Amino acid sequence: MKSGQVHGTSGQNPGMNNSLKRSPDGRVGILDITDKIDLSDELKAYHNHLENLILERTEELRYINEQLQKEISKRERVEELLRREKERFHNYIDVVGIVILVLDIDGCVSLINQKGAELLGYDKGAIIGKDWFSNFIPEDEQNNIMDAFSNILKGHFVPNLENSILTRFGKKKLISWTNVPLLDEQGCVIGCISAGEDITDIRSSQEKLQKHADDLKRSDELKLLFIDILRHDLLNPANIIKGYSEYLLETMGNEEEKDIVQKIHQQNEKLIKIINSASMFGKLESTEMICFEELDLLELLEKVSREFLPLLERRNITLECYASGSYPAYANPVIEEAFYNLISNAIKFSPQGGRIVLDIMDGGQSWKVTFTDFGIGIRDEHKNFIFKRFKRFSGEGVKGSGLGLAIVKKIVELHDGEVGVYDNPSGSGSVFWIRLNKIQPS
């Protein structure tokens, strides 16, 4: 055995695989191979664990990236929709026929539509950012409008606010505004949204119509005054003629002269009737509203009929009334004049010894009052215009002023009723009728 050769170590089994290991101080020692294998297995396990973690994280990152791409795509679509909606909104407010105005909290213009810009006579860019009150509101209206703006900023809704705006050339336009507060996401007021309509022409037309209405009212008042004066001035001499003619008829003995005076008296009576009829019609034409009260139509009809008893006796005409009971209606006492004219008309067109029939029938929501005569009748071509003013026809020796039936029609129209005529189904003659509304039970 050579010196320095080592065959074994005390406490170790001969033949065991050993390896050299250099210690930190440089000395060589023996390392057990088993420890080396264990360390290698641990490294492999750790390496596999790291690979698994990387795969898991990679999968998570891939999933997150996919979701992120979806969200980005969704957001892009939403932004595109918002852009389109914003564009559509701006297009809409530009074509809408009213002014759309948005003011910020300081009263400066944040948005105005094309209609508003055109009305003011500027491009939009020349209006955005400008102080609304100092630039576009007349000086004498600024305080009131700024007070209204302060109320809006307090959260109040201010409708139907009218004020003038100044155009580029200093012309005023009257605008009717509806104003609402503009709120942020937290509900705080950050400005005002206003929708305005140009009512300059409308208000001008209203003022012209009002002036015209006032002129008509004054003209109507003058007309009524003229009618009263005319009636008074015409009736005074007519009544004097009536008084003298009646006196002469009572005192004169000469029959020939008495006959002349009788004709004068008759013509004067017609003149008085025409004056009264014309006055009545003129006043009815000027009346817009009349007062109504509960009246019984049969009582009125009987009252008017009694006024004709002397004339009926002289003409030997029988007047019959088939109606009985109560016929309540909302009417004005002027309806008596309509009854009077229709009975007078029936007598006028009835022959000597003739017959007249009055009746009231239930028409559901209304009463139908009829005046039937058995006289000469009315031709169909005349029925369309006999109720018009100064339109009349002549029968056998029968004449009129053409106002009586026109007065009837006007009175009935003031009662929201109807009037008409048809042939007497029993033979010759006509049936005039009036339809008046009933009093409806409450």
Protein backbone atom coordinates (compact mmCIF):
# COMPACT_ATOMS: atom_id res chain seq x y z
CA MET A 1 0.00 0.00 0.00
CA LYS A 2 1.31 3.28 -0.96
CA SER A 3 1.62 6.08 1.57
CA GLY A 4 -1.35 8.60 1.48
CA GLN A 5 -3.85 6.13 -0.09
CA VAL A 6 -6.97 5.74 1.90
CA HIS A 7 -8.85 2.46 1.82
CA GLY A 8 -11.60 3.19 4.34
CA THR A 9 -12.81 5.25 7.20
CA SER A 10 -13.60 4.17 10.67
CA GLY A 11 -17.38 3.74 11.26
CA GLN A 12 -18.26 3.31 7.54
CA ASN A 13 -19.20 0.20 5.65
CA PRO A 14 -16.67 -0.80 2.95
CA GLY A 15 -18.08 -0.74 -0.55
CA MET A 16 -20.65 2.17 0.14
CA ASN A 17 -20.80 4.78 -2.63
CA ASN A 18 -19.32 7.97 -1.40
CA SER A 19 -18.48 11.25 -3.03
CA LEU A 20 -16.24 14.07 -2.18
CA LYS A 21 -17.58 17.28 -0.78
CA ARG A 22 -15.53 20.39 -0.36
CA SER A 23 -16.24 22.18 2.89
CA PRO A 24 -16.51 25.95 3.14
CA ASP A 25 -12.92 26.07 4.47
CA GLY A 26 -11.67 24.27 1.36
CA ARG A 27 -11.44 20.82 2.81
CA VAL A 28 -12.78 17.91 0.88
CA GLY A 29 -15.42 15.69 2.51
CA ILE A 30 -17.83 12.98 1.47
CA LEU A 31 -21.59 13.85 0.57
CA ASP A 32 -24.30 11.21 0.82
CA ILE A 33 -25.90 10.70 -2.66
CA THR A 34 -29.31 10.22 -1.00
CA ASP A 35 -29.39 13.84 0.11
CA LYS A 36 -28.60 14.90 -3.40
CA ILE A 37 -31.50 12.87 -4.78
CA ASP A 38 -33.89 14.32 -2.21
CA LEU A 39 -32.89 17.85 -3.10
CA SER A 40 -33.37 17.10 -6.78
CA ASP A 41 -36.89 15.78 -6.17
CA GLU A 42 -37.78 18.86 -4.15
CA LEU A 43 -36.52 21.06 -6.97
CA LYS A 44 -38.56 19.14 -9.52
CA ALA A 45 -41.69 19.39 -7.33
CA TYR A 46 -41.16 23.09 -6.80
CA HIS A 47 -40.56 23.51 -10.53
CA ASN A 48 -43.81 21.68 -11.31
CA HIS A 49 -45.64 23.79 -8.72
CA LEU A 50 -44.30 26.96 -10.33
CA GLU A 51 -45.36 25.74 -13.76
CA ASN A 52 -48.86 25.02 -12.45
CA LEU A 53 -49.06 28.46 -10.85
CA ILE A 54 -47.91 30.07 -14.09
CA LEU A 55 -50.52 28.11 -16.05
CA GLU A 56 -53.25 29.10 -13.57
CA ARG A 57 -52.22 32.75 -13.62
CA THR A 58 -51.94 32.67 -17.40
CA GLU A 59 -55.46 31.24 -17.66
CA GLU A 60 -56.75 33.84 -15.23
CA LEU A 61 -55.02 36.58 -17.19
CA ARG A 62 -56.44 35.23 -20.43
CA TYR A 63 -59.97 35.19 -18.97
CA ILE A 64 -59.51 38.67 -17.52
CA ASN A 65 -58.20 39.90 -20.86
CA GLU A 66 -61.21 38.41 -22.68
CA GLN A 67 -63.60 40.07 -20.22
CA LEU A 68 -61.71 43.32 -20.54
CA GLN A 69 -61.95 43.14 -24.32
CA LYS A 70 -65.69 42.50 -24.02
CA GLU A 71 -66.11 45.46 -21.66
CA ILE A 72 -64.06 47.66 -23.97
CA SER A 73 -66.18 46.55 -26.92
CA LYS A 74 -69.37 47.12 -24.94
CA ARG A 75 -68.18 50.54 -23.81
CA GLU A 76 -67.27 51.43 -27.37
CA ARG A 77 -70.76 50.43 -28.49
CA VAL A 78 -72.32 52.45 -25.65
CA GLU A 79 -70.14 55.43 -26.51
CA GLU A 80 -71.13 55.09 -30.15
CA LEU A 81 -74.80 54.92 -29.18
CA LEU A 82 -74.35 57.92 -26.90
CA ARG A 83 -72.61 59.78 -29.71
CA ARG A 84 -75.44 58.95 -32.09
CA GLU A 85 -78.09 59.87 -29.54
CA LYS A 86 -76.29 63.11 -28.78
CA GLU A 87 -76.09 63.84 -32.49
CA ARG A 88 -79.76 62.93 -32.89
CA PHE A 89 -80.68 65.12 -29.92
CA HIS A 90 -78.81 68.08 -31.36
CA ASN A 91 -80.40 67.46 -34.75
CA TYR A 92 -83.80 67.29 -33.09
CA ILE A 93 -83.46 70.48 -31.09
CA ASP A 94 -82.19 72.21 -34.22
CA VAL A 95 -85.26 71.35 -36.28
CA VAL A 96 -87.85 71.70 -33.54
CA GLY A 97 -89.97 74.81 -33.95
CA ILE A 98 -89.20 76.30 -30.53
CA VAL A 99 -86.16 77.89 -28.91
CA ILE A 100 -84.12 75.54 -26.70
CA LEU A 101 -81.79 77.38 -24.32
CA VAL A 102 -79.52 76.11 -21.55
CA LEU A 103 -77.96 78.56 -19.09
CA ASP A 104 -75.31 77.70 -16.54
CA ILE A 105 -75.49 78.80 -12.92
CA ASP A 106 -73.92 82.15 -13.82
CA GLY A 107 -76.50 82.88 -16.51
CA CYS A 108 -74.18 82.19 -19.43
CA VAL A 109 -75.37 80.31 -22.51
CA SER A 110 -74.26 76.67 -22.48
CA LEU A 111 -76.45 75.54 -25.39
CA ILE A 112 -78.85 77.08 -27.87
CA ASN A 113 -80.52 75.39 -30.82
CA GLN A 114 -80.60 76.54 -34.41
CA LYS A 115 -84.07 78.05 -34.05
CA GLY A 116 -82.87 80.25 -31.19
CA ALA A 117 -79.75 81.29 -33.06
CA GLU A 118 -81.76 82.19 -36.16
CA LEU A 119 -84.27 84.14 -34.09
CA LEU A 120 -81.47 86.17 -32.51
CA GLY A 121 -79.70 86.58 -35.85
CA TYR A 122 -76.34 85.07 -34.79
CA ASP A 123 -74.34 81.92 -35.38
CA LYS A 124 -74.40 79.52 -32.44
CA GLY A 125 -70.71 80.11 -31.77
CA ALA A 126 -71.33 83.81 -31.27
CA ILE A 127 -73.92 83.06 -28.55
CA ILE A 128 -72.37 80.18 -26.56
CA GLY A 129 -70.60 81.46 -23.44
CA LYS A 130 -72.23 84.91 -23.54
CA ASP A 131 -74.10 86.35 -20.56
CA TRP A 132 -77.74 85.90 -21.53
CA PHE A 133 -79.18 88.76 -19.53
CA SER A 134 -76.77 91.54 -20.43
CA ASN A 135 -76.51 90.61 -24.11
CA PHE A 136 -79.97 89.44 -25.13
CA ILE A 137 -82.53 90.87 -22.67
CA PRO A 138 -83.78 94.49 -22.94
CA GLU A 139 -82.45 96.61 -20.09
CA ASP A 140 -85.89 97.48 -18.73
CA GLU A 141 -86.76 93.75 -18.36
CA GLN A 142 -83.45 92.45 -16.99
CA ASN A 143 -84.30 92.77 -13.27
CA ASN A 144 -87.55 90.83 -13.56
CA ILE A 145 -85.98 88.07 -15.65
CA MET A 146 -82.98 87.74 -13.32
CA ASP A 147 -85.37 87.43 -10.35
CA ALA A 148 -87.17 84.62 -12.18
CA PHE A 149 -83.80 82.98 -12.93
CA SER A 150 -82.92 83.12 -9.22
CA ASN A 151 -86.14 81.25 -8.41
CA ILE A 152 -85.27 78.60 -10.99
CA LEU A 153 -81.83 78.12 -9.42
CA LYS A 154 -83.65 77.50 -6.13
CA GLY A 155 -85.30 74.51 -7.78
CA HIS A 156 -88.61 76.11 -8.82
CA PHE A 157 -90.43 75.31 -12.05
CA VAL A 158 -91.40 78.58 -13.79
CA PRO A 159 -93.90 78.14 -16.67
CA ASN A 160 -95.51 80.76 -18.91
CA LEU A 161 -92.87 83.43 -18.39
CA GLU A 162 -93.06 86.07 -21.11
CA ASN A 163 -90.26 88.48 -21.92
CA SER A 164 -88.65 90.18 -24.87
CA ILE A 165 -85.29 89.26 -26.37
CA LEU A 166 -83.07 91.52 -28.44
CA THR A 167 -82.03 90.36 -31.90
CA ARG A 168 -78.74 91.21 -33.55
CA PHE A 169 -80.28 94.30 -35.16
CA GLY A 170 -81.94 95.56 -31.96
CA LYS A 171 -85.42 94.30 -32.83
CA LYS A 172 -87.52 92.88 -29.99
CA LYS A 173 -89.14 89.46 -30.11
CA LEU A 174 -91.67 88.40 -27.48
CA ILE A 175 -91.05 84.87 -26.21
CA SER A 176 -93.16 82.68 -23.94
CA TRP A 177 -90.83 80.47 -21.85
CA THR A 178 -91.20 77.29 -19.84
CA ASN A 179 -88.23 76.99 -17.46
CA VAL A 180 -87.03 74.04 -15.39
CA PRO A 181 -83.91 73.65 -13.22
CA LEU A 182 -80.98 71.67 -14.64
CA LEU A 183 -79.70 69.11 -12.08
CA ASP A 184 -76.49 67.12 -11.81
CA GLU A 185 -76.22 63.45 -10.73
CA GLN A 186 -76.39 64.46 -7.07
CA GLY A 187 -79.57 66.47 -7.63
CA CYS A 188 -77.86 69.85 -7.29
CA VAL A 189 -79.03 72.73 -9.51
CA ILE A 190 -76.34 73.57 -12.06
CA GLY A 191 -78.35 75.74 -14.43
CA CYS A 192 -81.63 76.16 -16.27
CA ILE A 193 -83.25 74.58 -19.31
CA SER A 194 -85.77 76.79 -21.13
CA ALA A 195 -88.13 76.12 -24.02
CA GLY A 196 -89.45 79.26 -25.70
CA GLU A 197 -92.06 80.03 -28.34
CA ASP A 198 -92.02 83.19 -30.42
CA ILE A 199 -95.42 84.80 -29.79
CA THR A 200 -94.63 88.20 -31.29
CA ASP A 201 -97.02 87.82 -34.22
CA ILE A 202 -99.64 86.04 -32.11
CA ARG A 203 -99.66 88.80 -29.49
CA SER A 204 -99.77 91.44 -32.20
CA SER A 205 -102.78 89.69 -33.75
CA GLN A 206 -104.43 89.37 -30.35
CA GLU A 207 -103.97 93.08 -29.73
CA LYS A 208 -105.43 93.90 -33.14
CA LEU A 209 -108.38 91.57 -32.52
CA GLN A 210 -108.94 93.09 -29.09
CA LYS A 211 -108.89 96.58 -30.59
CA HIS A 212 -111.32 95.43 -33.25
CA ALA A 213 -113.56 93.89 -30.56
CA ASP A 214 -113.43 97.14 -28.56
CA ASP A 215 -114.31 99.10 -31.69
CA LEU A 216 -117.22 96.75 -32.39
CA LYS A 217 -118.41 97.10 -28.82
CA ARG A 218 -118.36 100.89 -29.09
CA SER A 219 -120.06 100.65 -32.46
CA ASP A 220 -122.67 98.35 -30.94
CA GLU A 221 -123.29 100.79 -28.12
CA LEU A 222 -123.67 103.62 -30.64
CA LYS A 223 -126.02 101.45 -32.67
CA LEU A 224 -128.22 100.80 -29.66
CA LEU A 225 -128.20 104.49 -28.81
CA PHE A 226 -129.12 105.34 -32.39
CA ILE A 227 -131.93 102.76 -32.34
CA ASP A 228 -133.37 104.22 -29.14
CA ILE A 229 -133.12 107.78 -30.45
CA LEU A 230 -134.59 106.80 -33.81
CA ARG A 231 -137.43 104.85 -32.21
CA HIS A 232 -138.18 107.73 -29.84
CA ASP A 233 -138.08 110.37 -32.57
CA LEU A 234 -140.20 108.30 -34.95
CA LEU A 235 -142.75 107.14 -32.41
CA ASN A 236 -143.42 110.63 -31.05
CA PRO A 237 -145.02 112.02 -34.24
CA ALA A 238 -146.60 108.62 -34.98
CA ASN A 239 -148.29 108.58 -31.58
CA ILE A 240 -149.47 112.15 -32.10
CA ILE A 241 -151.01 111.12 -35.44
CA LYS A 242 -152.60 108.13 -33.69
CA GLY A 243 -154.13 110.34 -31.00
CA TYR A 244 -155.57 112.86 -33.44
CA SER A 245 -156.89 110.20 -35.81
CA GLU A 246 -158.64 108.38 -32.97
CA TYR A 247 -160.15 111.67 -31.81
CA LEU A 248 -161.39 112.46 -35.33
CA LEU A 249 -162.88 108.99 -35.73
CA GLU A 250 -164.88 109.51 -32.56
CA THR A 251 -166.08 113.05 -33.39
CA MET A 252 -166.46 113.15 -37.17
CA GLY A 253 -169.89 112.61 -38.67
CA ASN A 254 -169.08 112.73 -42.38
CA GLU A 255 -168.64 109.13 -43.43
CA GLU A 256 -166.48 109.90 -46.45
CA GLU A 257 -164.07 111.98 -44.40
CA LYS A 258 -164.21 109.42 -41.59
CA ASP A 259 -163.19 106.71 -44.03
CA ILE A 260 -160.14 108.75 -45.06
CA VAL A 261 -159.15 109.27 -41.42
CA GLN A 262 -159.66 105.54 -40.78
CA LYS A 263 -157.14 104.71 -43.53
CA ILE A 264 -154.70 107.24 -42.06
CA HIS A 265 -155.15 105.59 -38.65
CA GLN A 266 -154.55 102.10 -40.05
CA GLN A 267 -151.42 103.11 -41.94
CA ASN A 268 -150.12 104.88 -38.85
CA GLU A 269 -150.69 101.71 -36.81
CA LYS A 270 -148.61 99.77 -39.35
CA LEU A 271 -145.92 102.43 -39.13
CA ILE A 272 -145.79 102.13 -35.33
CA LYS A 273 -145.57 98.34 -35.61
CA ILE A 274 -142.72 98.57 -38.14
CA ILE A 275 -140.82 101.01 -35.92
CA ASN A 276 -141.21 98.71 -32.90
CA SER A 277 -140.22 95.62 -34.91
CA ALA A 278 -137.16 97.30 -36.37
CA SER A 279 -136.12 98.49 -32.92
CA MET A 280 -136.60 95.01 -31.46
CA PHE A 281 -134.57 93.35 -34.21
CA GLY A 282 -131.76 95.90 -33.93
CA LYS A 283 -131.45 95.27 -30.20
CA LEU A 284 -131.50 91.50 -30.67
CA GLU A 285 -128.69 91.77 -33.23
CA SER A 286 -126.62 93.63 -30.64
CA THR A 287 -127.25 91.22 -27.78
CA GLU A 288 -124.55 88.64 -27.10
CA MET A 289 -125.98 87.26 -23.89
CA ILE A 290 -129.42 87.28 -22.34
CA CYS A 291 -130.48 86.10 -18.89
CA PHE A 292 -132.58 82.97 -18.58
CA GLU A 293 -135.10 81.94 -15.96
CA GLU A 294 -137.54 79.10 -15.44
CA LEU A 295 -140.70 79.84 -17.41
CA ASP A 296 -143.76 77.75 -18.30
CA LEU A 297 -144.23 77.86 -22.07
CA LEU A 298 -147.98 77.17 -21.94
CA GLU A 299 -148.55 80.07 -19.55
CA LEU A 300 -146.64 82.39 -21.91
CA LEU A 301 -148.55 81.07 -24.93
CA GLU A 302 -151.94 81.63 -23.27
CA LYS A 303 -150.88 85.10 -22.11
CA VAL A 304 -149.88 86.15 -25.64
CA SER A 305 -153.02 84.57 -27.17
CA ARG A 306 -155.29 86.72 -24.97
CA GLU A 307 -153.84 89.86 -26.56
CA PHE A 308 -155.33 88.79 -29.91
CA LEU A 309 -158.88 88.18 -28.75
CA PRO A 310 -160.31 91.46 -30.20
CA LEU A 311 -158.62 90.81 -33.57
CA LEU A 312 -159.77 87.17 -33.59
CA GLU A 313 -163.33 88.28 -32.93
CA ARG A 314 -163.26 90.84 -35.74
CA ARG A 315 -161.89 88.24 -38.17
CA ASN A 316 -164.17 85.53 -36.79
CA ILE A 317 -161.12 83.23 -36.41
CA THR A 318 -161.15 80.36 -33.93
CA LEU A 319 -158.00 79.90 -31.84
CA GLU A 320 -157.57 76.44 -30.29
CA CYS A 321 -154.86 75.20 -27.94
CA TYR A 322 -154.38 71.46 -27.50
CA ALA A 323 -151.63 71.68 -24.89
CA SER A 324 -152.30 71.11 -21.20
CA GLY A 325 -150.16 70.72 -18.13
CA SER A 326 -146.74 72.20 -17.38
CA TYR A 327 -143.94 72.84 -19.88
CA PRO A 328 -140.96 74.24 -17.95
CA ALA A 329 -138.03 75.70 -19.92
CA TYR A 330 -135.12 78.03 -19.30
CA ALA A 331 -136.06 81.10 -21.31
CA ASN A 332 -136.05 84.85 -21.37
CA PRO A 333 -139.38 86.73 -21.36
CA VAL A 334 -138.45 88.01 -24.85
CA ILE A 335 -139.68 84.62 -26.09
CA GLU A 336 -143.17 86.15 -25.81
CA GLU A 337 -142.26 88.34 -28.80
CA ALA A 338 -141.56 85.19 -30.85
CA PHE A 339 -144.94 83.71 -29.84
CA TYR A 340 -146.64 87.04 -30.61
CA ASN A 341 -145.16 87.25 -34.11
CA LEU A 342 -146.05 83.64 -34.99
CA ILE A 343 -149.66 83.99 -33.81
CA SER A 344 -149.93 87.33 -35.66
CA ASN A 345 -148.48 85.64 -38.74
CA ALA A 346 -151.04 82.79 -38.49
CA ILE A 347 -153.91 85.30 -38.20
CA LYS A 348 -152.54 87.32 -41.11
CA PHE A 349 -152.56 84.30 -43.43
CA SER A 350 -155.86 82.82 -42.20
CA PRO A 351 -159.09 83.51 -44.11
CA GLN A 352 -162.10 85.19 -42.53
CA GLY A 353 -163.81 82.66 -40.29
CA GLY A 354 -160.70 80.46 -40.30
CA ARG A 355 -159.03 78.37 -37.61
CA ILE A 356 -155.66 78.38 -35.81
CA VAL A 357 -154.30 75.55 -33.64
CA LEU A 358 -151.57 75.92 -31.00
CA ASP A 359 -149.85 72.93 -29.40
CA ILE A 360 -146.78 71.94 -27.38
CA MET A 361 -145.25 68.49 -27.88
CA ASP A 362 -142.59 66.56 -25.98
CA GLY A 363 -139.45 66.30 -28.11
CA GLY A 364 -137.27 64.39 -25.63
CA GLN A 365 -134.66 66.98 -24.64
CA SER A 366 -136.83 69.86 -25.86
CA TRP A 367 -140.37 71.20 -26.24
CA LYS A 368 -141.78 71.70 -29.73
CA VAL A 369 -144.28 74.59 -29.90
CA THR A 370 -146.42 74.56 -33.09
CA PHE A 371 -148.59 77.27 -34.71
CA THR A 372 -150.91 75.75 -37.35
CA ASP A 373 -153.02 77.78 -39.74
CA PHE A 374 -155.34 76.69 -42.57
CA GLY A 375 -154.67 79.60 -44.89
CA ILE A 376 -153.01 80.01 -48.24
CA GLY A 377 -149.81 78.18 -47.27
CA ILE A 378 -146.23 78.93 -48.30
CA ARG A 379 -144.53 77.76 -51.47
CA ASP A 380 -141.48 75.54 -51.07
CA GLU A 381 -139.21 78.05 -52.83
CA HIS A 382 -140.18 80.68 -50.24
CA LYS A 383 -139.55 78.54 -47.15
CA ASN A 384 -135.77 78.89 -47.35
CA PHE A 385 -135.69 82.67 -46.91
CA ILE A 386 -138.85 83.78 -45.04
CA PHE A 387 -136.87 83.93 -41.78
CA LYS A 388 -134.30 86.31 -43.26
CA ARG A 389 -134.37 90.02 -42.57
CA PHE A 390 -136.51 92.05 -45.00
CA LYS A 391 -137.35 88.91 -46.99
CA ARG A 392 -141.09 88.57 -47.39
CA PHE A 393 -143.71 87.26 -49.77
CA SER A 394 -147.19 88.56 -50.52
CA GLY A 395 -150.29 86.45 -50.43
CA GLU A 396 -153.82 87.42 -51.37
CA GLY A 397 -153.86 90.99 -50.10
CA VAL A 398 -151.33 90.10 -47.36
CA LYS A 399 -148.17 92.15 -46.93
CA GLY A 400 -145.55 92.61 -44.22
CA SER A 401 -142.31 94.36 -43.40
CA GLY A 402 -140.25 91.17 -43.52
CA LEU A 403 -139.02 91.64 -39.94
CA GLY A 404 -141.48 89.54 -37.92
CA LEU A 405 -140.11 86.09 -38.77
CA ALA A 406 -136.51 87.38 -38.71
CA ILE A 407 -137.15 88.52 -35.14
CA VAL A 408 -138.57 85.08 -34.30
CA LYS A 409 -135.46 83.35 -35.67
CA LYS A 410 -133.10 85.65 -33.78
CA ILE A 411 -134.93 85.17 -30.48
CA VAL A 412 -134.97 81.38 -30.88
CA GLU A 413 -131.25 81.32 -31.76
CA LEU A 414 -130.51 83.30 -28.58
CA HIS A 415 -132.24 80.44 -26.74
CA ASP A 416 -130.06 77.86 -28.54
CA GLY A 417 -133.24 76.55 -30.18
CA GLU A 418 -134.57 75.93 -33.69
CA VAL A 419 -137.39 77.33 -35.81
CA GLY A 420 -138.93 76.12 -39.05
CA VAL A 421 -142.05 75.66 -41.17
CA TYR A 422 -143.71 72.85 -43.12
CA ASP A 423 -146.99 72.37 -44.96
CA ASN A 424 -150.10 71.66 -42.90
CA PRO A 425 -150.63 67.89 -43.32
CA SER A 426 -154.40 68.38 -42.85
CA GLY A 427 -154.73 70.35 -46.07
CA SER A 428 -154.04 74.00 -46.88
CA GLY A 429 -152.01 76.20 -44.63
CA SER A 430 -148.69 75.97 -42.79
CA VAL A 431 -147.25 74.76 -39.52
CA PHE A 432 -144.61 77.01 -37.95
CA TRP A 433 -142.66 75.45 -35.09
CA ILE A 434 -140.16 76.42 -32.41
CA ARG A 435 -137.95 73.98 -30.51
CA LEU A 436 -136.81 75.12 -27.04
CA ASN A 437 -134.70 73.21 -24.53
CA LYS A 438 -136.34 71.64 -21.50
CA ILE A 439 -135.24 72.13 -17.93
CA GLN A 440 -133.29 68.93 -17.28
CA PRO A 441 -133.65 67.27 -13.83
CA SER A 442 -130.52 67.67 -11.70
